[in-house]
Amino acid sequence: MQRRPGVVIAVASWLLAGAGMMLAALLLGKHPDPLLLVLASQAAVALPVLLLLLALRPPALGLGPAAPRAWLGGVALGPLAFVCSLTINGVVILFAGLPPKDLPIIDIIDGLHQRIGLGGLVLCAAVLPGIVEEALFRGVILTGLRRHLSPAAAVLITALLFAALHLDPWRFLPQLTLGLLLGWWTLRSGSCWPAAVAHAVHNAIVLVVSRMVPH
């Protein structure tokens, strides 16, 4: 029988990624270079996956191949996820008001855009997180949780952990919504990679739209 991660490995991977992100933020200081911060954070998220790949094969971690139709579905899911996230974000603003203008994520995105342009911004803040974060969450974590939980419970808890790791209360519900959609599509496709495509497309739309709106 092929070995697979369980709940303990799933939670430990999330804790390791979170600790790595916080350590990177501390080491880079109060005013970090945005590119270094993004790359260091994504490296922290990738670390648990890379460590597990030393002992387990990719399919055992939810990193196996997917059918062509699943990839196409991932492309289509990206815009749908954007609309859902935007709707949830509107509800949050309706009840909680507009988020502060000095949120760290805004400074990071603005800094990346100024330094590496829109193409580099999409690559670093859409494509890279789509690959790395899905490998961890819809790959390792969802696979581990499914060993002992129902599919619905595993998807929900994975989405909660995904939203929590972003450390942004204003984006928690939109990220939770995105995580639920990505988890559902991962179960449908049997691999995290179509969800990675959807995640990247979602983020790319968010970034391009945000650059078009004055702020």
C-alpha atoms as a PDB file:
ATOM      1  CA  MET A   1       0.000   0.000   0.000  1.00  0.00           C
ATOM      2  CA  GLN A   2       1.303   3.434  -0.942  1.00  0.00           C
ATOM      3  CA  ARG A   3       2.118   5.602   2.051  1.00  0.00           C
ATOM      4  CA  ARG A   4       0.242   8.874   2.345  1.00  0.00           C
ATOM      5  CA  PRO A   5       0.395  11.767   4.830  1.00  0.00           C
ATOM      6  CA  GLY A   6      -2.173  11.852   7.613  1.00  0.00           C
ATOM      7  CA  VAL A   7      -3.696  14.574   9.764  1.00  0.00           C
ATOM      8  CA  VAL A   8      -0.540  15.026  11.852  1.00  0.00           C
ATOM      9  CA  ILE A   9       1.610  15.558   8.765  1.00  0.00           C
ATOM     10  CA  ALA A  10      -0.999  17.906   7.293  1.00  0.00           C
ATOM     11  CA  VAL A  11      -1.129  20.112  10.394  1.00  0.00           C
ATOM     12  CA  ALA A  12       2.644  19.977  10.903  1.00  0.00           C
ATOM     13  CA  SER A  13       3.161  21.103   7.296  1.00  0.00           C
ATOM     14  CA  TRP A  14       0.863  24.068   7.844  1.00  0.00           C
ATOM     15  CA  LEU A  15       2.651  25.030  11.069  1.00  0.00           C
ATOM     16  CA  LEU A  16       6.063  24.733   9.405  1.00  0.00           C
ATOM     17  CA  ALA A  17       4.961  26.936   6.508  1.00  0.00           C
ATOM     18  CA  GLY A  18       3.502  29.536   8.879  1.00  0.00           C
ATOM     19  CA  ALA A  19       6.608  29.558  11.050  1.00  0.00           C
ATOM     20  CA  GLY A  20       8.792  29.949   7.983  1.00  0.00           C
ATOM     21  CA  MET A  21       6.735  32.896   6.736  1.00  0.00           C
ATOM     22  CA  MET A  22       6.937  34.656  10.093  1.00  0.00           C
ATOM     23  CA  LEU A  23      10.677  34.011  10.327  1.00  0.00           C
ATOM     24  CA  ALA A  24      11.182  35.440   6.845  1.00  0.00           C
ATOM     25  CA  ALA A  25       9.214  38.566   7.786  1.00  0.00           C
ATOM     26  CA  LEU A  26      11.265  39.011  10.969  1.00  0.00           C
ATOM     27  CA  LEU A  27      14.607  38.541   9.222  1.00  0.00           C
ATOM     28  CA  LEU A  28      13.729  40.983   6.438  1.00  0.00           C
ATOM     29  CA  GLY A  29      12.762  43.726   8.917  1.00  0.00           C
ATOM     30  CA  LYS A  30       9.986  46.302   9.086  1.00  0.00           C
ATOM     31  CA  HIS A  31      10.476  47.623   5.550  1.00  0.00           C
ATOM     32  CA  PRO A  32      11.450  44.573   3.520  1.00  0.00           C
ATOM     33  CA  ASP A  33      12.163  44.465  -0.159  1.00  0.00           C
ATOM     34  CA  PRO A  34       8.798  43.306  -1.578  1.00  0.00           C
ATOM     35  CA  LEU A  35      10.343  40.867  -4.057  1.00  0.00           C
ATOM     36  CA  LEU A  36      12.515  39.228  -1.400  1.00  0.00           C
ATOM     37  CA  LEU A  37       9.538  39.024   0.962  1.00  0.00           C
ATOM     38  CA  VAL A  38       7.316  37.320  -1.606  1.00  0.00           C
ATOM     39  CA  LEU A  39      10.024  34.872  -2.685  1.00  0.00           C
ATOM     40  CA  ALA A  40      10.968  34.066   0.923  1.00  0.00           C
ATOM     41  CA  SER A  41       7.321  33.528   1.883  1.00  0.00           C
ATOM     42  CA  GLN A  42       6.708  31.211  -1.056  1.00  0.00           C
ATOM     43  CA  ALA A  43       9.899  29.310  -0.237  1.00  0.00           C
ATOM     44  CA  ALA A  44       8.570  28.782   3.299  1.00  0.00           C
ATOM     45  CA  VAL A  45       5.299  27.420   1.899  1.00  0.00           C
ATOM     46  CA  ALA A  46       7.173  25.134  -0.491  1.00  0.00           C
ATOM     47  CA  LEU A  47       9.520  23.746   2.182  1.00  0.00           C
ATOM     48  CA  PRO A  48       7.117  21.174   3.740  1.00  0.00           C
ATOM     49  CA  VAL A  49       6.203  19.883   0.285  1.00  0.00           C
ATOM     50  CA  LEU A  50       9.829  19.511  -0.740  1.00  0.00           C
ATOM     51  CA  LEU A  51      10.676  17.691   2.491  1.00  0.00           C
ATOM     52  CA  LEU A  52       7.815  15.242   2.011  1.00  0.00           C
ATOM     53  CA  LEU A  53       8.844  14.606  -1.581  1.00  0.00           C
ATOM     54  CA  LEU A  54      12.084  13.166  -0.225  1.00  0.00           C
ATOM     55  CA  ALA A  55      10.091  10.304   1.298  1.00  0.00           C
ATOM     56  CA  LEU A  56       6.856  10.038  -0.701  1.00  0.00           C
ATOM     57  CA  ARG A  57       5.962   9.977  -4.375  1.00  0.00           C
ATOM     58  CA  PRO A  58       4.020  12.912  -5.867  1.00  0.00           C
ATOM     59  CA  PRO A  59       0.695  10.994  -6.287  1.00  0.00           C
ATOM     60  CA  ALA A  60       0.748  10.137  -2.576  1.00  0.00           C
ATOM     61  CA  LEU A  61       0.786  13.873  -1.820  1.00  0.00           C
ATOM     62  CA  GLY A  62      -1.998  14.786  -4.221  1.00  0.00           C
ATOM     63  CA  LEU A  63       0.575  16.006  -6.758  1.00  0.00           C
ATOM     64  CA  GLY A  64      -0.145  13.440  -9.440  1.00  0.00           C
ATOM     65  CA  PRO A  65      -1.212  14.163 -13.030  1.00  0.00           C
ATOM     66  CA  ALA A  66      -4.711  15.219 -14.037  1.00  0.00           C
ATOM     67  CA  ALA A  67      -6.848  14.677 -17.117  1.00  0.00           C
ATOM     68  CA  PRO A  68      -6.828  17.386 -19.844  1.00  0.00           C
ATOM     69  CA  ARG A  69     -10.462  18.251 -19.112  1.00  0.00           C
ATOM     70  CA  ALA A  70      -9.551  18.957 -15.496  1.00  0.00           C
ATOM     71  CA  TRP A  71      -6.900  21.453 -16.621  1.00  0.00           C
ATOM     72  CA  LEU A  72      -9.416  23.225 -18.849  1.00  0.00           C
ATOM     73  CA  GLY A  73     -11.857  23.256 -15.957  1.00  0.00           C
ATOM     74  CA  GLY A  74      -9.187  24.903 -13.830  1.00  0.00           C
ATOM     75  CA  VAL A  75      -8.834  27.692 -16.397  1.00  0.00           C
ATOM     76  CA  ALA A  76     -12.607  28.228 -16.377  1.00  0.00           C
ATOM     77  CA  LEU A  77     -12.789  28.072 -12.585  1.00  0.00           C
ATOM     78  CA  GLY A  78     -10.370  30.994 -12.194  1.00  0.00           C
ATOM     79  CA  PRO A  79     -12.775  33.737 -13.400  1.00  0.00           C
ATOM     80  CA  LEU A  80     -15.648  32.125 -11.486  1.00  0.00           C
ATOM     81  CA  ALA A  81     -13.550  32.135  -8.321  1.00  0.00           C
ATOM     82  CA  PHE A  82     -12.740  35.801  -8.925  1.00  0.00           C
ATOM     83  CA  VAL A  83     -16.435  36.702  -9.183  1.00  0.00           C
ATOM     84  CA  CYS A  84     -17.223  34.737  -6.011  1.00  0.00           C
ATOM     85  CA  SER A  85     -14.328  36.307  -4.096  1.00  0.00           C
ATOM     86  CA  LEU A  86     -15.306  39.769  -5.315  1.00  0.00           C
ATOM     87  CA  THR A  87     -18.892  39.225  -4.182  1.00  0.00           C
ATOM     88  CA  ILE A  88     -17.828  38.046  -0.736  1.00  0.00           C
ATOM     89  CA  ASN A  89     -15.420  40.962  -0.483  1.00  0.00           C
ATOM     90  CA  GLY A  90     -18.295  43.320  -1.265  1.00  0.00           C
ATOM     91  CA  VAL A  91     -20.349  41.794   1.537  1.00  0.00           C
ATOM     92  CA  VAL A  92     -17.426  42.211   3.949  1.00  0.00           C
ATOM     93  CA  ILE A  93     -17.063  45.880   2.983  1.00  0.00           C
ATOM     94  CA  LEU A  94     -20.824  46.379   3.349  1.00  0.00           C
ATOM     95  CA  PHE A  95     -20.777  45.205   6.967  1.00  0.00           C
ATOM     96  CA  ALA A  96     -17.240  46.092   8.089  1.00  0.00           C
ATOM     97  CA  GLY A  97     -16.420  49.086   5.927  1.00  0.00           C
ATOM     98  CA  LEU A  98     -13.466  49.661   3.630  1.00  0.00           C
ATOM     99  CA  PRO A  99     -10.153  48.132   4.695  1.00  0.00           C
ATOM    100  CA  PRO A 100      -7.362  50.466   5.848  1.00  0.00           C
ATOM    101  CA  LYS A 101      -5.262  51.921   3.042  1.00  0.00           C
ATOM    102  CA  ASP A 102      -2.030  51.001   4.828  1.00  0.00           C
ATOM    103  CA  LEU A 103      -2.509  47.230   4.715  1.00  0.00           C
ATOM    104  CA  PRO A 104       0.859  45.465   4.187  1.00  0.00           C
ATOM    105  CA  ILE A 105      -0.424  43.557   1.160  1.00  0.00           C
ATOM    106  CA  ILE A 106      -1.161  46.825  -0.664  1.00  0.00           C
ATOM    107  CA  ASP A 107       2.380  48.097  -0.122  1.00  0.00           C
ATOM    108  CA  ILE A 108       3.812  44.755  -1.243  1.00  0.00           C
ATOM    109  CA  ILE A 109       1.793  44.680  -4.458  1.00  0.00           C
ATOM    110  CA  ASP A 110       2.578  48.325  -5.222  1.00  0.00           C
ATOM    111  CA  GLY A 111       6.267  47.733  -4.569  1.00  0.00           C
ATOM    112  CA  LEU A 112       6.368  44.669  -6.803  1.00  0.00           C
ATOM    113  CA  HIS A 113       4.583  46.496  -9.601  1.00  0.00           C
ATOM    114  CA  GLN A 114       7.001  49.406  -9.471  1.00  0.00           C
ATOM    115  CA  ARG A 115      10.038  47.153  -9.419  1.00  0.00           C
ATOM    116  CA  ILE A 116       9.241  44.360 -11.888  1.00  0.00           C
ATOM    117  CA  GLY A 117       6.242  45.595 -13.851  1.00  0.00           C
ATOM    118  CA  LEU A 118       2.868  43.982 -14.419  1.00  0.00           C
ATOM    119  CA  GLY A 119       4.270  40.826 -16.025  1.00  0.00           C
ATOM    120  CA  GLY A 120       6.652  40.223 -13.142  1.00  0.00           C
ATOM    121  CA  LEU A 121       3.897  40.998 -10.665  1.00  0.00           C
ATOM    122  CA  VAL A 122       1.629  38.367 -12.205  1.00  0.00           C
ATOM    123  CA  LEU A 123       4.476  35.841 -12.238  1.00  0.00           C
ATOM    124  CA  CYS A 124       5.464  36.412  -8.588  1.00  0.00           C
ATOM    125  CA  ALA A 125       2.043  37.054  -7.040  1.00  0.00           C
ATOM    126  CA  ALA A 126      -0.221  34.876  -9.214  1.00  0.00           C
ATOM    127  CA  VAL A 127       1.611  32.047 -10.976  1.00  0.00           C
ATOM    128  CA  LEU A 128       4.130  31.249  -8.233  1.00  0.00           C
ATOM    129  CA  PRO A 129       1.565  31.223  -5.367  1.00  0.00           C
ATOM    130  CA  GLY A 130      -0.805  29.212  -7.539  1.00  0.00           C
ATOM    131  CA  ILE A 131       1.771  26.459  -7.862  1.00  0.00           C
ATOM    132  CA  VAL A 132       3.344  26.575  -4.406  1.00  0.00           C
ATOM    133  CA  GLU A 133       0.259  27.169  -2.256  1.00  0.00           C
ATOM    134  CA  GLU A 134      -1.826  24.557  -4.061  1.00  0.00           C
ATOM    135  CA  ALA A 135       0.924  21.975  -3.710  1.00  0.00           C
ATOM    136  CA  LEU A 136       0.790  22.521   0.051  1.00  0.00           C
ATOM    137  CA  PHE A 137      -2.924  23.066   0.675  1.00  0.00           C
ATOM    138  CA  ARG A 138      -4.830  21.107  -1.951  1.00  0.00           C
ATOM    139  CA  GLY A 139      -1.928  18.677  -2.260  1.00  0.00           C
ATOM    140  CA  VAL A 140      -0.342  17.741   1.065  1.00  0.00           C
ATOM    141  CA  ILE A 141      -2.867  19.134   3.551  1.00  0.00           C
ATOM    142  CA  LEU A 142      -6.083  18.096   1.807  1.00  0.00           C
ATOM    143  CA  THR A 143      -4.658  14.640   1.094  1.00  0.00           C
ATOM    144  CA  GLY A 144      -3.621  14.232   4.724  1.00  0.00           C
ATOM    145  CA  LEU A 145      -6.940  15.370   6.151  1.00  0.00           C
ATOM    146  CA  ARG A 146      -8.943  13.117   3.834  1.00  0.00           C
ATOM    147  CA  ARG A 147      -7.413  10.020   5.442  1.00  0.00           C
ATOM    148  CA  HIS A 148      -9.489  10.569   8.585  1.00  0.00           C
ATOM    149  CA  LEU A 149     -12.192  13.091   7.623  1.00  0.00           C
ATOM    150  CA  SER A 150     -15.061  13.236   5.179  1.00  0.00           C
ATOM    151  CA  PRO A 151     -14.319  14.969   1.868  1.00  0.00           C
ATOM    152  CA  ALA A 152     -16.481  17.977   2.838  1.00  0.00           C
ATOM    153  CA  ALA A 153     -14.796  18.357   6.230  1.00  0.00           C
ATOM    154  CA  ALA A 154     -11.336  18.010   4.698  1.00  0.00           C
ATOM    155  CA  VAL A 155     -12.078  20.682   2.082  1.00  0.00           C
ATOM    156  CA  LEU A 156     -13.520  23.053   4.701  1.00  0.00           C
ATOM    157  CA  ILE A 157     -10.633  22.691   7.156  1.00  0.00           C
ATOM    158  CA  THR A 158      -8.079  23.035   4.358  1.00  0.00           C
ATOM    159  CA  ALA A 159      -9.810  26.225   3.205  1.00  0.00           C
ATOM    160  CA  LEU A 160      -9.808  27.598   6.760  1.00  0.00           C
ATOM    161  CA  LEU A 161      -6.088  26.906   7.129  1.00  0.00           C
ATOM    162  CA  PHE A 162      -5.473  28.460   3.717  1.00  0.00           C
ATOM    163  CA  ALA A 163      -7.335  31.656   4.643  1.00  0.00           C
ATOM    164  CA  ALA A 164      -5.689  31.840   8.072  1.00  0.00           C
ATOM    165  CA  LEU A 165      -2.159  31.587   6.648  1.00  0.00           C
ATOM    166  CA  HIS A 166      -2.659  34.828   4.700  1.00  0.00           C
ATOM    167  CA  LEU A 167      -2.862  36.726   8.025  1.00  0.00           C
ATOM    168  CA  ASP A 168      -5.324  39.291   6.693  1.00  0.00           C
ATOM    169  CA  PRO A 169      -8.739  39.580   8.384  1.00  0.00           C
ATOM    170  CA  TRP A 170     -10.100  41.686   5.514  1.00  0.00           C
ATOM    171  CA  ARG A 171      -9.342  38.919   3.023  1.00  0.00           C
ATOM    172  CA  PHE A 172     -10.240  35.972   5.255  1.00  0.00           C
ATOM    173  CA  LEU A 173     -13.730  35.296   3.856  1.00  0.00           C
ATOM    174  CA  PRO A 174     -12.761  35.845   0.189  1.00  0.00           C
ATOM    175  CA  GLN A 175      -9.767  33.532   0.668  1.00  0.00           C
ATOM    176  CA  LEU A 176     -11.987  31.003   2.413  1.00  0.00           C
ATOM    177  CA  THR A 177     -14.369  31.079  -0.557  1.00  0.00           C
ATOM    178  CA  LEU A 178     -11.473  30.602  -2.959  1.00  0.00           C
ATOM    179  CA  GLY A 179     -10.156  27.713  -0.868  1.00  0.00           C
ATOM    180  CA  LEU A 180     -13.529  25.957  -0.898  1.00  0.00           C
ATOM    181  CA  LEU A 181     -13.768  26.180  -4.690  1.00  0.00           C
ATOM    182  CA  LEU A 182     -10.197  24.985  -5.164  1.00  0.00           C
ATOM    183  CA  GLY A 183     -10.721  22.086  -2.761  1.00  0.00           C
ATOM    184  CA  TRP A 184     -13.900  21.038  -4.539  1.00  0.00           C
ATOM    185  CA  TRP A 185     -12.174  21.061  -7.910  1.00  0.00           C
ATOM    186  CA  THR A 186      -9.222  19.099  -6.529  1.00  0.00           C
ATOM    187  CA  LEU A 187     -11.571  16.347  -5.370  1.00  0.00           C
ATOM    188  CA  ARG A 188     -13.237  16.342  -8.788  1.00  0.00           C
ATOM    189  CA  SER A 189      -9.952  16.207 -10.704  1.00  0.00           C
ATOM    190  CA  GLY A 190      -7.940  13.965  -8.379  1.00  0.00           C
ATOM    191  CA  SER A 191      -4.951  16.310  -8.473  1.00  0.00           C
ATOM    192  CA  CYS A 192      -4.039  19.726  -7.080  1.00  0.00           C
ATOM    193  CA  TRP A 193      -2.609  21.026 -10.356  1.00  0.00           C
ATOM    194  CA  PRO A 194      -5.882  22.050 -12.056  1.00  0.00           C
ATOM    195  CA  ALA A 195      -6.658  23.978  -8.856  1.00  0.00           C
ATOM    196  CA  ALA A 196      -3.217  25.594  -9.177  1.00  0.00           C
ATOM    197  CA  VAL A 197      -4.226  26.853 -12.623  1.00  0.00           C
ATOM    198  CA  ALA A 198      -7.503  28.228 -11.232  1.00  0.00           C
ATOM    199  CA  HIS A 199      -5.637  29.866  -8.334  1.00  0.00           C
ATOM    200  CA  ALA A 200      -3.143  31.509 -10.699  1.00  0.00           C
ATOM    201  CA  VAL A 201      -5.887  32.771 -13.025  1.00  0.00           C
ATOM    202  CA  HIS A 202      -7.868  34.121 -10.062  1.00  0.00           C
ATOM    203  CA  ASN A 203      -4.852  35.966  -8.673  1.00  0.00           C
ATOM    204  CA  ALA A 204      -3.888  37.314 -12.086  1.00  0.00           C
ATOM    205  CA  ILE A 205      -7.357  38.801 -12.600  1.00  0.00           C
ATOM    206  CA  VAL A 206      -7.251  40.354  -9.124  1.00  0.00           C
ATOM    207  CA  LEU A 207      -3.852  41.918  -9.801  1.00  0.00           C
ATOM    208  CA  VAL A 208      -4.718  43.268 -13.247  1.00  0.00           C
ATOM    209  CA  VAL A 209      -8.021  44.720 -12.031  1.00  0.00           C
ATOM    210  CA  SER A 210      -6.341  46.277  -8.987  1.00  0.00           C
ATOM    211  CA  ARG A 211      -3.802  47.995 -11.239  1.00  0.00           C
ATOM    212  CA  MET A 212      -6.635  49.466 -13.313  1.00  0.00           C
ATOM    213  CA  VAL A 213      -8.514  50.896 -10.327  1.00  0.00           C
ATOM    214  CA  PRO A 214      -7.067  54.122  -8.820  1.00  0.00           C
ATOM    215  CA  HIS A 215      -6.114  53.797  -5.160  1.00  0.00           C
END
